[in-house]
N, C-alpha and C. Protein backbone atom coordinates (compact mmCIF):
# COMPACT_ATOMS: atom_id res chain seq x y z
N MET A 1 32.95 -38.47 -1.50
CA MET A 1 34.09 -39.27 -2.34
C MET A 1 33.20 -40.31 -2.80
N LEU A 2 31.84 -40.53 -2.47
CA LEU A 2 31.36 -41.76 -2.94
C LEU A 2 31.27 -41.44 -4.48
N PHE A 3 30.67 -40.10 -4.81
CA PHE A 3 30.50 -39.39 -6.40
C PHE A 3 31.51 -39.24 -7.08
N VAL A 4 32.79 -39.17 -6.47
CA VAL A 4 34.12 -39.08 -7.33
C VAL A 4 34.25 -40.62 -7.99
N LEU A 5 34.34 -41.59 -6.83
CA LEU A 5 34.35 -42.99 -7.13
C LEU A 5 33.35 -43.37 -8.11
N ILE A 6 32.43 -43.03 -8.10
CA ILE A 6 31.27 -43.55 -9.38
C ILE A 6 31.78 -43.00 -10.79
N GLY A 7 32.00 -41.50 -10.50
CA GLY A 7 32.63 -40.86 -11.90
C GLY A 7 33.86 -41.64 -12.27
N VAL A 8 34.71 -41.56 -11.29
CA VAL A 8 35.96 -42.98 -12.21
C VAL A 8 35.54 -44.19 -12.50
N ILE A 9 34.40 -44.89 -11.95
CA ILE A 9 34.44 -46.08 -12.56
C ILE A 9 33.43 -45.84 -13.59
N LEU A 10 32.76 -45.00 -13.64
CA LEU A 10 32.05 -44.41 -15.27
C LEU A 10 33.29 -44.41 -16.54
N ILE A 11 34.03 -43.51 -16.12
CA ILE A 11 35.50 -43.35 -17.06
C ILE A 11 35.94 -44.39 -17.23
N ALA A 12 36.25 -45.39 -16.37
CA ALA A 12 36.96 -46.86 -16.30
C ALA A 12 36.17 -47.80 -17.37
N CYS A 13 35.11 -47.86 -16.79
CA CYS A 13 34.09 -48.57 -17.82
C CYS A 13 34.25 -48.21 -19.50
N ASN A 14 34.15 -46.95 -19.59
CA ASN A 14 34.19 -46.21 -20.84
C ASN A 14 35.60 -46.81 -21.68
N LEU A 15 36.64 -46.70 -21.01
CA LEU A 15 37.88 -46.54 -21.75
C LEU A 15 38.11 -48.48 -22.00
N PHE A 16 37.36 -49.22 -20.95
CA PHE A 16 37.62 -50.63 -21.07
C PHE A 16 36.84 -51.20 -21.78
N ASP A 17 35.65 -50.38 -22.57
CA ASP A 17 34.56 -50.68 -23.33
C ASP A 17 33.61 -52.00 -22.56
N ILE A 18 33.35 -51.35 -21.09
CA ILE A 18 32.46 -52.43 -20.25
C ILE A 18 31.15 -51.88 -19.99
N GLY A 19 29.99 -52.56 -20.36
CA GLY A 19 28.89 -52.35 -20.19
C GLY A 19 28.16 -51.12 -21.26
N PRO A 20 27.10 -50.49 -20.79
CA PRO A 20 26.57 -49.46 -21.75
C PRO A 20 27.59 -48.17 -21.80
N MET A 21 28.39 -48.15 -20.76
CA MET A 21 29.39 -46.77 -21.10
C MET A 21 30.29 -46.74 -22.17
N ALA A 22 30.50 -48.07 -22.60
CA ALA A 22 31.53 -48.62 -23.84
C ALA A 22 30.88 -47.67 -25.01
N ALA A 23 29.30 -47.37 -25.22
CA ALA A 23 28.92 -46.60 -26.15
C ALA A 23 29.05 -45.10 -25.97
N TRP A 24 29.13 -44.50 -25.04
CA TRP A 24 29.07 -43.33 -24.60
C TRP A 24 30.30 -42.44 -25.48
N ASN A 25 30.04 -41.14 -25.66
CA ASN A 25 30.93 -40.49 -26.50
C ASN A 25 31.27 -39.37 -25.56
N TRP A 26 32.39 -38.75 -26.26
CA TRP A 26 33.51 -37.52 -25.18
C TRP A 26 32.88 -36.23 -25.83
N GLU A 27 31.74 -36.12 -26.85
CA GLU A 27 31.43 -34.87 -27.58
C GLU A 27 30.45 -34.01 -26.35
N ILE A 28 31.15 -32.84 -26.44
CA ILE A 28 30.58 -31.80 -25.66
C ILE A 28 28.78 -31.54 -25.94
N THR A 29 28.32 -32.01 -26.97
CA THR A 29 26.64 -31.90 -27.28
C THR A 29 26.41 -33.58 -27.13
N GLY A 30 27.25 -34.48 -26.83
CA GLY A 30 26.63 -36.02 -26.56
C GLY A 30 26.63 -36.71 -25.35
N ASP A 31 27.67 -37.11 -24.75
CA ASP A 31 27.28 -37.90 -23.48
C ASP A 31 28.12 -37.46 -22.57
N VAL A 32 28.99 -36.38 -22.49
CA VAL A 32 29.95 -35.85 -21.79
C VAL A 32 29.34 -35.70 -20.45
N TRP A 33 28.12 -35.17 -20.44
CA TRP A 33 27.42 -34.75 -19.16
C TRP A 33 27.13 -36.09 -18.35
N LYS A 34 27.37 -37.19 -18.74
CA LYS A 34 27.08 -38.28 -17.75
C LYS A 34 28.37 -38.44 -17.20
N PHE A 35 29.51 -38.24 -17.67
CA PHE A 35 30.84 -38.49 -17.31
C PHE A 35 30.90 -37.37 -16.27
N ALA A 36 30.69 -36.33 -16.43
CA ALA A 36 30.52 -34.76 -15.54
C ALA A 36 30.00 -34.91 -14.39
N LEU A 37 28.62 -35.76 -14.57
CA LEU A 37 27.38 -35.19 -13.28
C LEU A 37 28.31 -35.91 -12.22
N PRO A 38 28.69 -36.87 -11.99
CA PRO A 38 29.20 -37.49 -10.56
C PRO A 38 30.09 -36.46 -9.89
N PHE A 39 30.79 -35.92 -10.55
CA PHE A 39 31.97 -35.06 -10.16
C PHE A 39 31.39 -33.65 -9.89
N GLY A 40 30.44 -33.24 -10.91
CA GLY A 40 29.69 -32.25 -10.20
C GLY A 40 28.90 -32.20 -9.15
N LEU A 41 28.20 -33.39 -9.16
CA LEU A 41 27.76 -33.87 -7.57
C LEU A 41 28.18 -33.68 -6.14
N ALA A 42 29.99 -34.57 -6.26
CA ALA A 42 30.64 -34.23 -5.55
C ALA A 42 31.19 -32.87 -5.02
N VAL A 43 31.38 -31.86 -6.28
CA VAL A 43 31.77 -30.72 -5.68
C VAL A 43 30.35 -29.78 -4.76
N ALA A 44 29.08 -30.06 -5.44
CA ALA A 44 28.00 -29.76 -4.48
C ALA A 44 27.93 -30.16 -3.26
N TRP A 45 28.18 -31.36 -3.09
CA TRP A 45 28.28 -31.81 -1.48
C TRP A 45 29.27 -31.45 -0.74
N TRP A 46 30.46 -31.31 -1.40
CA TRP A 46 31.58 -30.44 -0.05
C TRP A 46 31.36 -29.36 -0.23
N ILE A 47 30.75 -28.31 -1.01
CA ILE A 47 30.44 -27.11 -0.86
C ILE A 47 29.43 -26.88 0.20
N TRP A 48 28.36 -27.78 0.22
CA TRP A 48 27.17 -27.98 0.86
C TRP A 48 27.55 -28.27 2.26
N SER A 49 28.43 -29.32 2.58
CA SER A 49 28.89 -29.78 3.81
C SER A 49 29.70 -28.62 4.44
N ASP A 50 30.80 -28.25 3.66
CA ASP A 50 31.36 -27.29 4.33
C ASP A 50 30.81 -25.86 4.91
N ALA A 51 29.66 -25.53 3.81
CA ALA A 51 28.83 -24.19 4.41
C ALA A 51 28.11 -24.38 5.54
N SER A 52 27.31 -25.60 5.56
CA SER A 52 26.17 -26.14 6.76
C SER A 52 27.13 -26.06 7.76
N GLY A 53 28.41 -26.24 7.70
CA GLY A 53 29.30 -27.03 9.11
C GLY A 53 29.27 -28.38 9.30
N TRP A 54 28.65 -29.26 8.45
CA TRP A 54 28.48 -30.78 8.70
C TRP A 54 30.01 -31.26 9.10
N THR A 55 30.96 -30.75 8.01
CA THR A 55 32.26 -31.42 8.12
C THR A 55 32.75 -30.90 9.71
N LYS A 56 32.59 -29.96 9.93
CA LYS A 56 33.50 -29.53 11.16
C LYS A 56 32.78 -30.21 12.39
N ARG A 57 31.54 -30.16 12.53
CA ARG A 57 30.68 -31.43 13.33
C ARG A 57 31.39 -32.37 13.49
N LYS A 58 31.21 -33.32 12.23
CA LYS A 58 31.74 -34.45 12.76
C LYS A 58 33.22 -34.36 12.82
N ALA A 59 33.97 -33.59 12.71
CA ALA A 59 35.60 -33.55 12.96
C ALA A 59 35.52 -33.32 14.74
N MET A 60 34.64 -32.67 14.82
CA MET A 60 34.70 -32.37 16.60
C MET A 60 34.39 -33.55 17.25
N GLN A 61 33.22 -34.44 16.43
CA GLN A 61 32.65 -35.83 17.20
C GLN A 61 33.86 -36.34 17.41
N ARG A 62 34.61 -36.78 16.15
CA ARG A 62 35.54 -37.62 16.51
C ARG A 62 36.84 -37.01 17.29
N ASP A 63 37.21 -36.12 17.58
CA ASP A 63 37.70 -35.48 18.62
C ASP A 63 37.72 -35.70 19.94
N ALA A 64 36.69 -35.81 20.37
CA ALA A 64 35.57 -35.82 21.11
C ALA A 64 35.64 -37.53 21.93
N GLU A 65 35.41 -38.23 21.18
CA GLU A 65 35.56 -39.54 20.99
C GLU A 65 36.89 -39.76 21.20
N ARG A 66 37.87 -39.61 20.45
CA ARG A 66 39.16 -40.00 20.55
C ARG A 66 39.89 -39.32 22.46
N LYS A 67 39.33 -37.92 22.41
CA LYS A 67 39.66 -37.73 23.98
C LYS A 67 38.89 -38.87 25.12
N ARG A 68 37.87 -38.77 24.95
CA ARG A 68 36.85 -39.77 25.52
C ARG A 68 37.70 -41.13 25.42
N ASP A 69 38.20 -41.62 24.64
CA ASP A 69 38.65 -43.30 24.77
C ASP A 69 39.94 -42.89 25.23
N ARG A 70 40.92 -41.70 25.29
CA ARG A 70 42.01 -41.67 25.61
C ARG A 70 41.93 -41.60 27.39
N LEU A 71 41.04 -40.82 27.70
CA LEU A 71 40.86 -41.09 29.38
C LEU A 71 40.55 -42.19 29.78
N ASP A 72 39.69 -42.80 29.28
CA ASP A 72 39.13 -44.19 29.40
C ASP A 72 40.53 -45.24 29.99
N ARG A 73 41.00 -44.85 28.88
CA ARG A 73 42.59 -45.78 28.56
C ARG A 73 43.46 -45.33 29.97
N ASN A 74 43.50 -44.10 30.13
CA ASN A 74 44.40 -43.50 31.10
C ASN A 74 43.66 -44.06 32.47
N ILE A 75 42.50 -43.97 32.89
CA ILE A 75 41.92 -44.07 33.97
C ILE A 75 42.03 -45.84 34.63
N ASP A 76 41.55 -46.32 33.37
CA ASP A 76 41.96 -47.82 33.56
C ASP A 76 43.91 -48.44 33.87
N ALA A 77 44.41 -47.70 33.30
CA ALA A 77 45.88 -47.92 33.55
C ALA A 77 46.70 -47.43 34.87
N MET A 78 45.67 -46.26 35.39
CA MET A 78 45.85 -46.03 36.70
C MET A 78 45.18 -47.24 37.57
N GLY A 79 44.39 -47.97 37.29
CA GLY A 79 43.50 -48.75 38.16
C GLY A 79 42.47 -48.37 39.01
N LEU A 80 42.12 -47.34 38.37
CA LEU A 80 40.95 -46.19 38.67
C LEU A 80 39.27 -46.72 37.99
N GLY A 81 39.44 -47.83 37.44
CA GLY A 81 38.49 -47.87 36.44
C GLY A 81 36.93 -48.49 37.01
N TYR A 82 37.23 -48.86 38.25
CA TYR A 82 35.89 -48.91 39.26
C TYR A 82 35.19 -47.80 39.75
N LEU A 83 36.01 -46.57 39.55
CA LEU A 83 35.63 -44.94 39.78
C LEU A 83 34.71 -44.54 39.01
N HIS A 84 35.21 -45.17 37.63
CA HIS A 84 34.86 -44.15 36.58
C HIS A 84 33.75 -44.48 35.66
N LYS A 85 32.67 -44.00 35.22
CA LYS A 85 31.91 -44.69 34.06
C LYS A 85 32.18 -44.51 32.85
N HIS A 86 32.67 -45.58 32.11
CA HIS A 86 33.25 -45.48 31.00
C HIS A 86 31.89 -45.14 29.93
N ARG A 87 32.71 -45.07 28.46
CA ARG A 87 32.04 -44.45 27.37
C ARG A 87 30.86 -45.72 27.02
N ASP A 88 31.05 -47.06 27.46
CA ASP A 88 30.05 -48.30 27.05
C ASP A 88 29.21 -47.98 27.99
N GLY A 89 29.00 -47.25 29.39
CA GLY A 89 28.14 -46.87 30.10
C GLY A 89 28.43 -48.05 31.37
N LYS A 90 29.74 -48.65 31.34
CA LYS A 90 29.96 -49.33 32.33
C LYS A 90 31.25 -49.05 33.31
N LYS A 91 31.20 -49.47 34.51
CA LYS A 91 32.32 -49.56 35.44
C LYS A 91 33.21 -50.92 35.65
N ARG A 92 34.30 -50.63 35.21
CA ARG A 92 35.13 -51.45 35.41
C ARG A 92 35.15 -51.90 36.96
N SER A 93 35.27 -53.37 37.31
CA SER A 93 35.49 -53.92 38.31
C SER A 93 36.89 -53.71 39.16
N LYS A 94 36.57 -53.76 40.25
CA LYS A 94 37.63 -53.47 41.23
C LYS A 94 38.92 -54.93 41.22
N HIS A 95 40.07 -54.66 40.77
CA HIS A 95 40.93 -55.81 41.11
C HIS A 95 41.52 -55.79 42.16
């Protein structure tokens, strides 16, 4: 996502004549590769992250954290927080 954002910023800077990007041209033999490079890197990143399983692992970690948070909230709501070690490593006091 960062690479896409950089690419959009480069294009916007060129269109609004900001900074050195204002002098870049859109000819195939010119500076168009400078505009295309961030988008190409984004595609390469997405291909790598999907092929390596990185994306799936991150999604599984988020799901596990949500499940653990839901469990902690439910145990606290039942008033049993003093029996259960929460994700932060602390037990709740018995009221």
